[in-house]
Protein backbone atom coordinates (compact mmCIF):
# COMPACT_ATOMS: atom_id res chain seq x y z
CA MET A 1 -11.54 -3.65 -11.16
CA LYS A 2 -11.72 0.21 -10.66
CA PHE A 3 -8.68 2.41 -11.20
CA GLY A 4 -7.50 4.68 -7.80
CA VAL A 5 -4.60 7.27 -7.94
CA ALA A 6 -1.89 8.09 -4.74
CA ILE A 7 -2.93 11.38 -4.63
CA ASN A 8 0.31 11.99 -1.91
CA CYS A 9 2.56 11.21 -4.72
CA PHE A 10 1.93 14.30 -6.66
CA LYS A 11 3.16 16.28 -3.67
CA ILE A 12 -0.02 19.11 -3.66
CA PRO A 13 -2.70 19.45 -1.75
CA VAL A 14 -5.19 16.46 -0.71
CA GLU A 15 -7.84 19.04 -2.75
CA ASP A 16 -5.62 19.78 -5.92
CA GLY A 17 -5.03 15.91 -5.62
CA ILE A 18 -8.80 15.02 -5.64
CA ILE A 19 -9.19 17.35 -8.79
CA GLU A 20 -6.41 15.73 -10.24
CA ALA A 21 -7.15 12.68 -10.01
CA SER A 22 -10.63 13.30 -11.50
CA LYS A 23 -9.15 15.06 -14.60
CA ILE A 24 -6.77 11.22 -15.40
CA GLY A 25 -9.81 9.01 -15.35
CA ALA A 26 -9.48 7.28 -11.91
CA SER A 27 -12.97 6.67 -9.65
CA GLY A 28 -10.79 6.61 -6.41
CA VAL A 29 -7.94 7.89 -4.50
CA GLN A 30 -5.56 6.86 -1.34
CA THR A 31 -3.82 9.50 0.74
CA TYR A 32 -1.05 9.52 3.39
CA ALA A 33 -2.60 9.88 6.91
CA THR A 34 -0.18 9.37 9.30
CA THR A 35 0.90 13.33 9.49
CA GLY A 36 0.59 16.14 7.71
CA ALA A 37 -2.54 17.74 6.40
CA PHE A 38 -4.54 14.86 6.17
CA SER A 39 -3.96 13.31 9.46
CA PRO A 40 -6.32 12.93 12.39
CA GLU A 41 -4.61 15.37 14.01
CA GLU A 42 -4.71 18.52 11.91
CA LEU A 43 -8.20 17.68 9.68
CA THR A 44 -10.60 20.57 11.02
CA SER A 45 -14.12 19.91 10.92
CA ASP A 46 -14.34 22.61 7.64
CA LYS A 47 -11.27 20.88 6.04
CA LYS A 48 -13.52 17.48 6.59
CA LEU A 49 -16.57 18.98 5.38
CA LEU A 50 -14.37 20.59 2.33
CA ILE A 51 -13.22 17.25 1.29
CA LYS A 52 -16.09 14.73 1.57
CA ALA A 53 -17.59 17.89 -1.25
CA LEU A 54 -14.81 17.65 -3.21
CA LEU A 55 -15.31 14.03 -3.34
CA LYS A 56 -18.78 14.16 -4.20
CA GLU A 57 -18.48 16.57 -6.58
CA ASN A 58 -15.49 14.73 -8.45
CA ASP A 59 -17.57 11.33 -8.02
CA LEU A 60 -14.65 9.96 -6.10
CA VAL A 61 -14.06 8.05 -2.96
CA PHE A 62 -10.96 6.69 -1.03
CA THR A 63 -9.45 3.74 -2.07
CA ALA A 64 -7.36 3.43 1.29
CA LEU A 65 -5.58 6.03 3.81
CA THR A 66 -1.94 5.47 3.82
CA ALA A 67 -0.91 4.94 7.35
CA ASP A 68 2.65 4.22 7.43
CA MET A 69 4.33 4.70 11.18
CA GLY A 70 7.74 4.82 9.29
CA GLY A 71 10.86 3.61 11.31
CA TYR A 72 10.79 -0.09 11.87
CA GLY A 73 6.91 -0.75 11.79
CA PHE A 74 5.64 -2.40 14.36
CA GLN A 75 8.95 -4.64 14.92
CA ILE A 76 9.99 -2.32 18.40
CA GLU A 77 7.82 -3.34 20.77
CA LYS A 78 8.43 -0.89 23.63
CA ASP A 79 7.27 1.79 20.18
CA ASN A 80 3.89 -0.07 19.79
CA PRO A 81 1.38 1.04 22.50
CA GLU A 82 1.82 4.50 20.45
CA ARG A 83 1.62 3.58 17.34
CA ILE A 84 -0.94 1.29 17.82
CA GLU A 85 -3.31 3.80 19.03
CA LYS A 86 -2.47 6.12 15.65
CA THR A 87 -3.64 3.43 13.85
CA LYS A 88 -6.34 2.92 15.09
CA LYS A 89 -7.50 7.24 15.10
CA ILE A 90 -6.73 6.07 10.92
CA ILE A 91 -9.08 3.39 11.23
CA ASP A 92 -11.60 5.90 12.99
CA LEU A 93 -10.82 8.63 9.95
CA ALA A 94 -11.12 5.76 7.18
CA GLU A 95 -14.66 4.88 8.70
CA GLU A 96 -15.70 8.35 8.88
CA PHE A 97 -14.88 8.87 5.25
CA GLY A 98 -16.09 5.59 3.91
CA ALA A 99 -12.89 3.85 3.13
CA LYS A 100 -12.50 -0.09 3.66
CA VAL A 101 -8.75 0.07 3.83
CA ILE A 102 -5.78 1.21 5.64
CA THR A 103 -2.20 0.36 3.79
CA THR A 104 0.83 0.05 5.78
CA HIS A 105 4.11 -1.48 6.38
CA VAL A 106 4.81 -2.90 9.23
CA GLY A 107 8.22 -3.97 9.30
CA VAL A 108 10.26 -7.45 7.89
CA ILE A 109 8.47 -10.26 9.12
CA PRO A 110 10.92 -12.92 10.20
CA SER A 111 10.77 -16.44 8.03
CA ASP A 112 11.23 -18.55 11.52
CA GLU A 113 7.91 -18.15 13.31
CA ARG A 114 10.60 -18.87 16.40
CA HIS A 115 12.23 -15.04 15.93
CA PRO A 116 11.57 -12.70 18.91
CA ARG A 117 10.17 -10.14 16.32
CA TYR A 118 7.35 -12.58 15.03
CA GLU A 119 5.52 -12.39 18.41
CA VAL A 120 5.95 -8.59 18.55
CA LEU A 121 4.27 -7.99 15.05
CA LEU A 122 1.63 -10.63 15.49
CA LYS A 123 0.68 -9.21 18.68
CA ALA A 124 0.24 -5.37 17.43
CA LEU A 125 -1.35 -6.86 14.09
CA VAL A 126 -4.14 -9.00 15.96
CA GLU A 127 -4.59 -5.84 18.42
CA CYS A 128 -5.27 -3.38 14.89
CA GLY A 129 -6.78 -5.84 13.04
CA ARG A 130 -9.97 -6.66 15.89
CA TYR A 131 -10.09 -3.14 16.04
CA ALA A 132 -10.20 -2.70 12.17
CA LYS A 133 -12.83 -5.26 12.14
CA SER A 134 -15.18 -3.21 14.49
CA LYS A 135 -15.32 -0.46 12.34
CA GLY A 136 -15.78 -2.29 9.45
CA VAL A 137 -11.68 -1.53 8.11
CA THR A 138 -9.40 -3.91 6.89
CA VAL A 139 -5.44 -3.12 7.79
CA ALA A 140 -3.85 -4.17 4.89
CA ILE A 141 0.00 -5.05 5.23
CA GLU A 142 2.02 -3.56 2.07
CA THR A 143 3.65 -6.28 0.25
CA GLY A 144 7.84 -6.00 0.29
CA PRO A 145 10.13 -7.62 2.69
CA GLU A 146 9.04 -10.93 2.94
CA ASP A 147 7.89 -13.19 0.14
CA ALA A 148 4.38 -14.41 0.05
CA VAL A 149 4.85 -17.60 1.74
CA THR A 150 5.95 -16.21 4.70
CA LEU A 151 3.58 -13.14 4.74
CA LYS A 152 0.19 -15.32 4.24
CA GLY A 153 1.49 -17.80 7.10
CA PHE A 154 1.43 -14.79 9.63
CA LEU A 155 -1.71 -13.02 8.01
CA ASP A 156 -2.95 -16.89 9.20
CA LYS A 157 -2.24 -16.26 12.40
CA THR A 158 -4.00 -12.91 12.90
CA LEU A 159 -7.64 -13.14 13.92
CA GLY A 160 -9.64 -10.89 11.39
CA GLY A 161 -9.26 -7.28 10.14
CA VAL A 162 -5.80 -7.68 8.57
CA GLY A 163 -5.32 -8.29 5.02
CA VAL A 164 -3.01 -7.35 2.01
CA ASN A 165 -2.16 -4.50 -0.44
CA LEU A 166 -0.06 -6.04 -3.04
CA ASP A 167 2.24 -3.81 -4.79
CA PRO A 168 3.53 -6.10 -7.78
CA ALA A 169 6.81 -3.43 -8.11
CA ASN A 170 7.98 -4.14 -4.46
CA PHE A 171 7.70 -7.72 -4.84
CA VAL A 172 10.23 -7.25 -8.32
CA MET A 173 12.34 -4.53 -7.23
CA VAL A 174 13.32 -6.00 -3.71
CA THR A 175 12.01 -9.63 -2.64
CA GLY A 176 12.38 -11.11 -6.12
CA GLN A 177 9.02 -12.63 -5.90
CA ASN A 178 6.80 -13.06 -8.54
CA PRO A 179 3.78 -11.47 -8.31
CA ALA A 180 0.90 -13.83 -10.14
CA ASP A 181 2.34 -16.22 -7.96
CA ALA A 182 2.02 -13.95 -5.01
CA VAL A 183 -1.78 -13.72 -5.91
CA TYR A 184 -2.67 -17.04 -5.91
CA THR A 185 -0.77 -17.54 -2.76
CA LEU A 186 -2.52 -14.70 -1.00
CA LYS A 187 -5.77 -14.70 -2.74
CA ASP A 188 -7.87 -14.56 0.31
CA TYR A 189 -6.27 -11.45 1.91
CA ILE A 190 -6.16 -9.19 -0.90
CA VAL A 191 -8.36 -6.02 -0.86
CA HIS A 192 -6.36 -3.36 -1.79
CA THR A 193 -3.38 -3.04 -4.89
CA HIS A 194 -0.41 -0.83 -5.90
CA VAL A 195 0.18 -0.36 -9.77
CA LYS A 196 3.69 0.28 -9.92
CA ASP A 197 6.72 -1.28 -11.36
CA GLY A 198 10.49 -1.32 -11.52
CA ILE A 199 13.79 -3.33 -11.98
CA MET A 200 15.92 -5.12 -9.84
CA LEU A 201 19.26 -4.02 -10.15
CA LYS A 202 21.19 -6.18 -7.25
CA LYS A 203 19.89 -8.94 -5.07
CA THR A 204 20.45 -8.45 -1.62
CA GLN A 205 18.95 -9.29 1.37
CA PRO A 206 15.19 -7.74 1.51
CA LYS A 207 15.75 -6.79 5.31
CA ILE A 208 18.43 -4.61 4.43
CA ILE A 209 16.90 -2.41 2.51
CA TYR A 210 14.17 -1.88 4.87
CA ASP A 211 16.63 -1.67 7.25
CA HIS A 212 17.82 1.18 5.45
CA PHE A 213 14.65 3.16 4.87
CA ALA A 214 13.93 2.62 8.49
CA SER A 215 16.91 4.02 9.70
CA GLY A 216 16.32 7.48 7.79
CA GLY A 217 18.85 6.36 5.05
CA LYS A 218 21.69 5.49 7.44
CA GLY A 219 21.83 1.68 6.48
CA GLY A 220 25.25 2.37 4.88
CA ILE A 221 23.87 1.42 1.11
CA ASN A 222 22.52 3.37 -1.43
CA VAL A 223 19.18 1.59 -2.64
CA LYS A 224 19.88 3.56 -5.84
CA ASP A 225 22.35 0.36 -6.54
CA TYR A 226 19.80 -1.94 -6.15
CA PHE A 227 16.56 -1.31 -7.56
CA LEU A 228 14.69 1.19 -10.13
CA GLU A 229 11.12 2.32 -10.13
CA THR A 230 10.06 2.82 -13.10
CA VAL A 231 7.05 4.06 -15.31
CA VAL A 232 4.74 0.94 -15.48
CA GLY A 233 5.45 -1.05 -18.39
CA GLN A 234 8.83 -0.07 -18.97
CA GLY A 235 9.91 -2.53 -15.58
CA ASP A 236 9.93 -6.25 -14.88
CA VAL A 237 6.48 -6.53 -13.65
CA ASP A 238 4.75 -9.27 -16.28
CA TYR A 239 1.39 -7.11 -15.73
CA LYS A 240 -0.44 -9.73 -18.16
CA SER A 241 0.16 -12.46 -16.04
CA TYR A 242 -0.65 -10.40 -12.79
CA LEU A 243 -3.93 -9.03 -13.66
CA LYS A 244 -4.70 -12.46 -15.32
CA ALA A 245 -4.14 -14.07 -11.55
CA LEU A 246 -6.24 -10.87 -10.27
CA ILE A 247 -8.92 -12.06 -12.21
CA GLU A 248 -8.81 -15.58 -11.92
CA VAL A 249 -8.71 -15.02 -8.12
CA GLY A 250 -11.80 -12.83 -8.18
CA TYR A 251 -10.14 -9.79 -7.16
CA ASP A 252 -12.82 -6.61 -7.96
CA GLY A 253 -11.23 -4.10 -6.24
CA TYR A 254 -8.81 -1.26 -6.51
CA LEU A 255 -6.02 -1.21 -8.58
CA THR A 256 -4.37 2.28 -7.19
CA VAL A 257 -1.21 3.92 -9.37
CA GLU A 258 1.38 5.14 -6.97
CA ARG A 259 4.33 6.80 -8.70
CA GLU A 260 6.86 7.21 -5.98
CA SER A 261 9.70 8.92 -7.98
CA GLY A 262 10.12 11.13 -11.40
CA ASP A 263 9.56 14.53 -12.33
CA ASP A 264 6.16 13.64 -14.09
CA ARG A 265 4.03 11.86 -11.65
CA ILE A 266 0.63 12.80 -12.83
CA GLY A 267 1.58 12.27 -16.36
CA ASP A 268 3.43 8.98 -15.51
CA SER A 269 0.21 8.15 -13.56
CA ILE A 270 -1.72 8.58 -16.91
CA LYS A 271 0.41 6.02 -18.81
CA ALA A 272 -0.05 3.88 -16.09
CA ILE A 273 -4.01 3.69 -16.01
CA GLU A 274 -3.49 3.99 -20.05
CA TYR A 275 -0.94 0.85 -20.01
CA VAL A 276 -3.49 -1.29 -17.41
CA LYS A 277 -6.28 -0.96 -19.39
CA GLY A 278 -4.82 -2.08 -22.43
CA VAL A 279 -3.44 -5.10 -21.02
CA LEU A 280 -7.04 -5.88 -19.44
CA LYS A 281 -8.35 -5.08 -22.88
CA GLU A 282 -6.10 -8.21 -24.19
CA LEU A 283 -7.16 -10.71 -21.29
CA LYS A 284 -10.77 -10.38 -22.26
C-alpha cells in the first residue's frame, strides 16, 4: 500500500501542499476540487501546467480529488442536475490529472430502500457513476452516516463507476461501525482510504450529526459533545485489525492521511504515516 496526504487540510496553496507532501514521504496527494483554487472554474491553463510540473518534479500523483458538494449532498432532487454537472466537471479534471478516484459525501443513505430519498440518491449516483466509468474514474462514496451493510446494498444497485472511500474514523466517531468488519463487507468497492482517527464521545443517530453539517451548523447540537478527531494512534480505530483486513481483501491502493483538526496538521500527518508504517511492519 502507498501513502498519500490530503493537502487541502494543511490550509495552504496547492503548490505548497505538494512540496510539503513530498517532504513528509508521501507518494500521492488528495485535494479539494469543488470550489476554490483547484476547482474546474478557477484553474487556468498556466496553473494546470505548473501543478503538473510540480507533481512530476516531486514524484507525486493525485490519489484522488475531493468532490464534496456540501449541504445535503444528492438528497434533494431539485438540486441534483446542477450538482451532477459539477461532479462531471470534476471527473473531467481527475481524468486530465490522471486521478482515478473522486471522493464525496453523498448524503445519508436510508436503511429502508422504500424511503423516497433512497431513489433520489440512487438515480444521481448511477448517472455520476456511468459518466465516471466512461472516463476511467470511480466516484468513491466516503463512509460515514450509514453502516457498511446499508452502503453495500446501495452500491450493488449502481451500474458501475461508483465505489468506496473508506474512512475508518468516520465509522468509529459517528456510526459505531467496526472498520475492519466494514472492510470485509465493502471489499469489492474500496478504491481509496483515509488514515484518520477519533473517539465517539456520545452515541446518537448519525443522521443528526450529518444533518447538522449539511445545515451549516444550524442543527441545534454541538458536535464536540459527540466525537473528537485525534492524532492517528490516539483514538479508537484499531489500526492493526483494520489494516490486516485491508491486506486480506487484497487492497493495494492509497492510505491517504486526512487530518481535519489540530494546530499542527503537517506534523500530525507525519506522525500518522510513521504510526501506520509501524503497524504494517508488525503485520508482516
